[in-house]
Protein backbone atom coordinates (compact mmCIF):
# COMPACT_ATOMS: atom_id res chain seq x y z
CA MET A 1 24.26 -110.31 -51.10
CA GLU A 2 27.93 -111.08 -50.53
CA ASN A 3 28.24 -109.34 -47.16
CA ARG A 4 25.63 -110.87 -44.85
CA ARG A 5 26.72 -109.07 -41.71
CA ASN A 6 23.79 -107.96 -39.60
CA TYR A 7 24.51 -104.27 -39.12
CA TYR A 8 21.72 -103.91 -36.56
CA ARG A 9 23.39 -106.45 -34.31
CA VAL A 10 26.78 -104.78 -34.85
CA LEU A 11 25.34 -101.51 -33.49
CA HIS A 12 23.19 -103.25 -30.83
CA VAL A 13 19.92 -101.77 -32.11
CA GLN A 14 16.62 -103.19 -33.34
CA PRO A 15 15.75 -103.24 -37.07
CA ASP A 16 13.17 -100.47 -36.63
CA ALA A 17 15.39 -98.25 -34.45
CA PRO A 18 15.06 -94.53 -35.28
CA ALA A 19 18.05 -92.60 -36.63
CA GLU A 20 18.79 -90.93 -33.28
CA ILE A 21 19.11 -94.29 -31.50
CA ILE A 22 21.48 -95.50 -34.22
CA ARG A 23 23.65 -92.39 -33.79
CA THR A 24 23.60 -92.74 -30.01
CA SER A 25 24.65 -96.39 -30.16
CA TYR A 26 27.45 -95.56 -32.60
CA ARG A 27 28.83 -92.82 -30.32
CA THR A 28 28.57 -95.10 -27.31
CA LEU A 29 30.52 -97.89 -28.98
CA MET A 30 33.24 -95.70 -30.49
CA GLN A 31 33.76 -93.14 -27.73
CA ARG A 32 32.49 -94.17 -24.34
CA LEU A 33 33.30 -97.86 -24.81
CA ARG A 34 36.61 -96.88 -26.44
CA MET A 35 36.31 -98.98 -29.59
CA HIS A 36 37.83 -96.20 -31.69
CA PRO A 37 41.49 -97.03 -32.52
CA ASP A 38 42.65 -93.65 -31.18
CA LEU A 39 41.18 -94.68 -27.81
CA GLY A 40 42.75 -98.11 -27.78
CA GLY A 41 40.17 -100.02 -29.79
CA ASP A 42 40.75 -102.75 -32.34
CA HIS A 43 41.01 -101.54 -35.97
CA TRP A 44 38.95 -104.42 -37.38
CA ASN A 45 36.07 -103.88 -34.93
CA ALA A 46 36.13 -100.13 -35.49
CA ALA A 47 36.00 -100.64 -39.27
CA LEU A 48 32.99 -102.93 -38.91
CA ILE A 49 31.18 -100.44 -36.67
CA ASN A 50 31.89 -97.64 -39.16
CA GLU A 51 30.67 -99.85 -42.00
CA ALA A 52 27.42 -100.57 -40.16
CA PHE A 53 26.85 -96.92 -39.22
CA ALA A 54 27.50 -95.73 -42.79
CA ALA A 55 24.88 -98.15 -44.09
CA LEU A 56 22.20 -97.47 -41.47
CA SER A 57 22.61 -93.71 -41.04
CA ASP A 58 21.83 -92.95 -44.69
CA PRO A 59 18.09 -93.49 -45.41
CA GLU A 60 18.59 -94.68 -49.00
CA ARG A 61 21.45 -97.04 -48.15
CA ARG A 62 19.51 -98.37 -45.19
CA ALA A 63 16.46 -99.07 -47.37
CA ARG A 64 18.62 -100.96 -49.88
CA TYR A 65 20.30 -102.91 -47.08
CA ASP A 66 16.96 -103.84 -45.54
CA ARG A 67 15.70 -105.09 -48.91
CA SER A 68 18.85 -107.12 -49.42
CA MET A 69 18.50 -108.76 -46.00
CA GLY A 70 14.85 -109.50 -46.73
CA HIS A 71 13.48 -112.42 -44.76
CA ALA A 72 16.26 -112.31 -42.15
CA LEU A 73 15.19 -108.86 -40.96
CA GLU A 74 11.51 -109.75 -41.10
CA GLU A 75 12.19 -112.65 -38.73
CA MET A 76 14.22 -110.40 -36.47
CA ARG A 77 11.40 -107.86 -36.33
CA ALA A 78 8.76 -110.50 -35.71
CA ALA A 79 10.68 -112.52 -33.13
CA GLY A 80 13.14 -109.99 -31.80
CA GLY A 81 12.30 -110.46 -28.17
CA GLY A 82 8.77 -109.14 -28.61
CA TRP A 83 10.19 -105.61 -28.48
CA HIS A 84 7.84 -103.21 -30.23
CA ALA A 85 9.91 -100.12 -31.06
CA HIS A 86 6.91 -97.85 -31.55
CA THR A 87 5.60 -98.17 -28.00
CA SER A 88 6.75 -95.54 -25.52
CA GLY A 89 8.53 -98.03 -23.26
CA ARG A 90 9.40 -100.80 -25.71
CA GLU A 91 7.61 -103.19 -23.40
CA LEU A 92 8.26 -106.91 -23.78
CA ARG A 93 5.14 -108.65 -25.01
CA ALA A 94 5.51 -112.14 -23.62
CA GLY A 95 4.18 -115.02 -25.62
CA THR A 96 3.75 -113.19 -28.94
CA ALA A 97 6.19 -115.42 -30.84
CA ALA A 98 7.53 -118.95 -30.71
CA THR A 99 11.01 -117.46 -30.31
CA CYS A 100 12.25 -114.22 -28.84
CA ALA A 101 15.53 -112.39 -28.44
CA CYS A 102 17.37 -111.29 -25.33
CA PRO A 103 16.58 -107.57 -24.94
CA PHE A 104 20.25 -106.83 -24.29
CA CYS A 105 22.40 -108.98 -26.59
CA ALA A 106 19.70 -110.21 -29.04
CA THR A 107 20.54 -113.91 -28.60
CA MET A 108 17.51 -115.97 -29.65
CA HIS A 109 15.56 -118.04 -27.11
CA SER A 110 12.24 -119.82 -27.03
CA ALA A 111 9.28 -117.80 -25.81
CA ARG A 112 8.82 -120.48 -23.17
CA GLU A 113 12.25 -119.63 -21.68
CA ALA A 114 11.34 -115.95 -21.56
CA ALA A 115 8.11 -116.76 -19.74
CA MET A 116 9.98 -118.45 -16.87
CA PRO A 117 10.63 -116.08 -13.91
CA GLY A 118 14.18 -117.38 -13.46
CA GLY A 119 15.03 -117.56 -17.15
CA SER A 120 18.38 -116.10 -18.20
CA CYS A 121 20.04 -115.44 -21.54
CA ALA A 122 22.43 -118.25 -22.41
CA SER A 123 24.87 -115.73 -23.90
CA CYS A 124 25.03 -112.65 -21.66
CA GLY A 125 23.22 -113.93 -18.55
CA SER A 126 20.60 -111.15 -18.59
CA PRO A 127 17.17 -111.99 -17.17
CA LEU A 128 14.53 -112.70 -19.82
CA TYR A 129 11.38 -112.38 -17.72
CA PRO A 130 9.51 -109.06 -18.23
CA ALA A 131 9.54 -106.65 -15.31
CA ILE A 132 6.22 -106.23 -13.54
CA LYS A 133 4.31 -103.08 -14.41
CA LEU A 134 2.06 -102.15 -11.48
CA GLN A 135 -0.46 -99.32 -11.69
CA LEU A 136 -1.74 -97.35 -8.71
CA GLU A 137 -5.26 -95.96 -8.50
CA ASP A 138 -3.87 -92.43 -8.62
CA THR A 139 -2.46 -92.39 -12.16
CA SER A 140 -0.71 -89.08 -11.54
CA ARG A 141 1.68 -90.86 -9.21
CA ARG A 142 4.58 -93.09 -10.14
CA ALA A 143 3.61 -96.61 -11.23
CA LEU A 144 5.16 -97.93 -8.02
CA ASP A 145 6.69 -95.91 -5.21
CA ARG A 146 10.45 -96.25 -4.96
CA PHE A 147 12.20 -96.84 -1.67
CA PRO A 148 15.31 -94.81 -0.75
CA ARG A 149 18.22 -97.20 -0.66
CA GLN A 150 21.93 -96.85 -1.29
CA MET A 151 23.91 -99.81 -2.60
CA PRO A 152 26.65 -100.36 -5.18
CA VAL A 153 25.44 -101.06 -8.71
CA SER A 154 27.40 -102.13 -11.79
CA TYR A 155 26.23 -101.86 -15.37
CA CYS A 156 27.40 -102.36 -18.95
CA LEU A 157 26.18 -100.86 -22.21
CA SER A 158 27.01 -103.52 -24.78
CA TRP A 159 27.75 -107.20 -25.24
CA PRO A 160 30.34 -108.64 -25.16
CA ALA A 161 30.90 -106.44 -22.12
CA ASP A 162 34.37 -105.07 -22.76
CA ARG A 163 33.90 -102.63 -19.90
CA SER A 164 31.56 -102.22 -16.93
CA PHE A 165 30.77 -99.09 -14.94
CA GLU A 166 30.02 -98.50 -11.29
CA GLY A 167 27.43 -96.39 -9.51
CA VAL A 168 25.39 -96.05 -6.32
CA THR A 169 21.61 -96.37 -6.14
CA GLU A 170 19.49 -93.62 -4.62
CA ASP A 171 16.13 -95.36 -4.75
CA VAL A 172 14.89 -98.71 -6.03
CA SER A 173 11.60 -100.44 -6.82
CA ILE A 174 10.56 -103.51 -8.79
CA SER A 175 9.87 -101.26 -11.77
CA GLY A 176 13.08 -99.22 -11.86
CA MET A 177 15.79 -97.36 -10.00
CA ARG A 178 17.68 -94.10 -9.81
CA PHE A 179 21.45 -94.11 -9.39
CA THR A 180 24.48 -91.86 -9.67
CA SER A 181 27.67 -92.55 -11.60
CA ALA A 182 30.46 -90.74 -13.42
CA LEU A 183 29.09 -91.66 -16.87
CA GLU A 184 26.49 -89.65 -18.74
CA LEU A 185 23.73 -91.91 -20.02
CA VAL A 186 21.45 -91.13 -22.95
CA PRO A 187 17.63 -91.47 -22.80
CA GLU A 188 16.40 -94.67 -24.50
CA GLU A 189 19.85 -96.29 -24.05
CA ARG A 190 19.73 -99.87 -22.78
CA LEU A 191 21.97 -101.28 -20.09
CA ARG A 192 22.40 -104.46 -18.10
CA ILE A 193 22.32 -103.83 -14.36
CA ASP A 194 23.55 -105.91 -11.46
CA CYS A 195 23.30 -105.14 -7.71
CA ASP A 196 22.52 -106.94 -4.45
CA PHE A 197 18.79 -106.51 -5.07
CA CYS A 198 18.49 -107.66 -8.66
CA SER A 199 19.79 -108.30 -12.14
CA ALA A 200 17.93 -106.43 -14.87
CA VAL A 201 17.89 -105.07 -18.37
CA ALA A 202 16.78 -101.46 -18.23
CA VAL A 203 16.16 -98.47 -20.45
CA VAL A 204 17.31 -94.97 -19.49
CA ARG A 205 14.40 -92.56 -19.03
CA ASN A 206 16.30 -89.48 -17.86
CA SER A 207 19.83 -88.38 -16.96
CA ARG A 208 21.11 -85.10 -15.55
CA VAL A 209 24.09 -83.66 -13.73
CA ASP A 210 23.78 -83.88 -9.96
CA GLU A 211 24.74 -80.33 -9.03
CA SER A 212 24.71 -81.12 -5.30
CA ARG A 213 27.93 -83.11 -5.68
CA HIS A 214 31.47 -82.14 -6.56
CA GLY A 215 32.86 -83.27 -9.89
CA ALA A 216 31.03 -84.73 -12.88
CA VAL A 217 28.39 -86.94 -11.26
CA TRP A 218 25.33 -87.94 -13.26
CA GLN A 219 21.99 -88.97 -11.83
CA SER A 220 20.07 -91.38 -14.07
CA GLY A 221 16.59 -92.84 -13.80
CA VAL A 222 15.97 -96.19 -15.48
CA GLU A 223 12.94 -98.39 -16.07
CA PHE A 224 13.36 -102.15 -15.86
CA LEU A 225 12.46 -104.08 -19.00
CA THR A 226 13.32 -107.49 -17.58
CA LEU A 227 14.05 -108.33 -13.97
CA ARG A 228 15.33 -111.10 -11.71
CA ILE A 229 15.09 -110.37 -7.99
CA LYS A 230 17.91 -112.04 -6.09
CA HIS A 231 16.56 -112.03 -2.53
CA PRO A 232 12.75 -111.47 -2.47
CA ARG A 233 12.43 -112.10 1.24
CA GLY A 234 13.53 -109.11 3.28
CA SER A 235 14.39 -106.92 0.27
CA LEU A 236 12.01 -104.31 -1.12
CA LEU A 237 8.95 -106.53 -1.40
CA SER A 238 6.41 -106.44 1.38
CA LYS A 239 3.75 -109.03 2.12
CA ASP A 240 1.27 -106.78 0.27
CA PHE A 241 2.86 -107.82 -3.02
């Protein structure tokens, strides 16, 4: 194959991403991240994104492309950060491969690095350690109660991060957070989050307009996939944890 570009990396999706996720990522790159030339984007980058979307959005072309990539995609699926696209939360399965990929930018790392609580991606700086999933006895309740807390939060949707967005948290826990911002987020979209409490890679679980506020303000709930807590003592963690 003459063109060995990895279209999945171009669109920031996994090799087994469903069609809807591919479309969502394409719209995010071209419109909200302003990579379309009419919005100020670079023509070469836009052409590459269009090329990738054209190949992956058509089932027959995608099948031919996957066959042509062969072993490269098999390795990406097997070692791609341990992310299993058919699980409801795309949980990170630590230790399932000798190598794994950053869940945000897909840079490869050793599984040993990902198993270290302070491990960070050498490329984008995202934490590699899986977020803790705690279960309460009452399974009808949230996995872990969130604490009301307002603080500034910044996030980006792709890497390299050409643009970051700002918001304000409403509640936070070690498993996720809810925050408001001016940008509409799409369920299953991934983002890198940074605030005084933590750095994290998260997946959007829900997003809706906050009708109690003036203007276009969106309230989004996210679940942490990986997490690095900046100040454990005196933050949200009690001695019970």
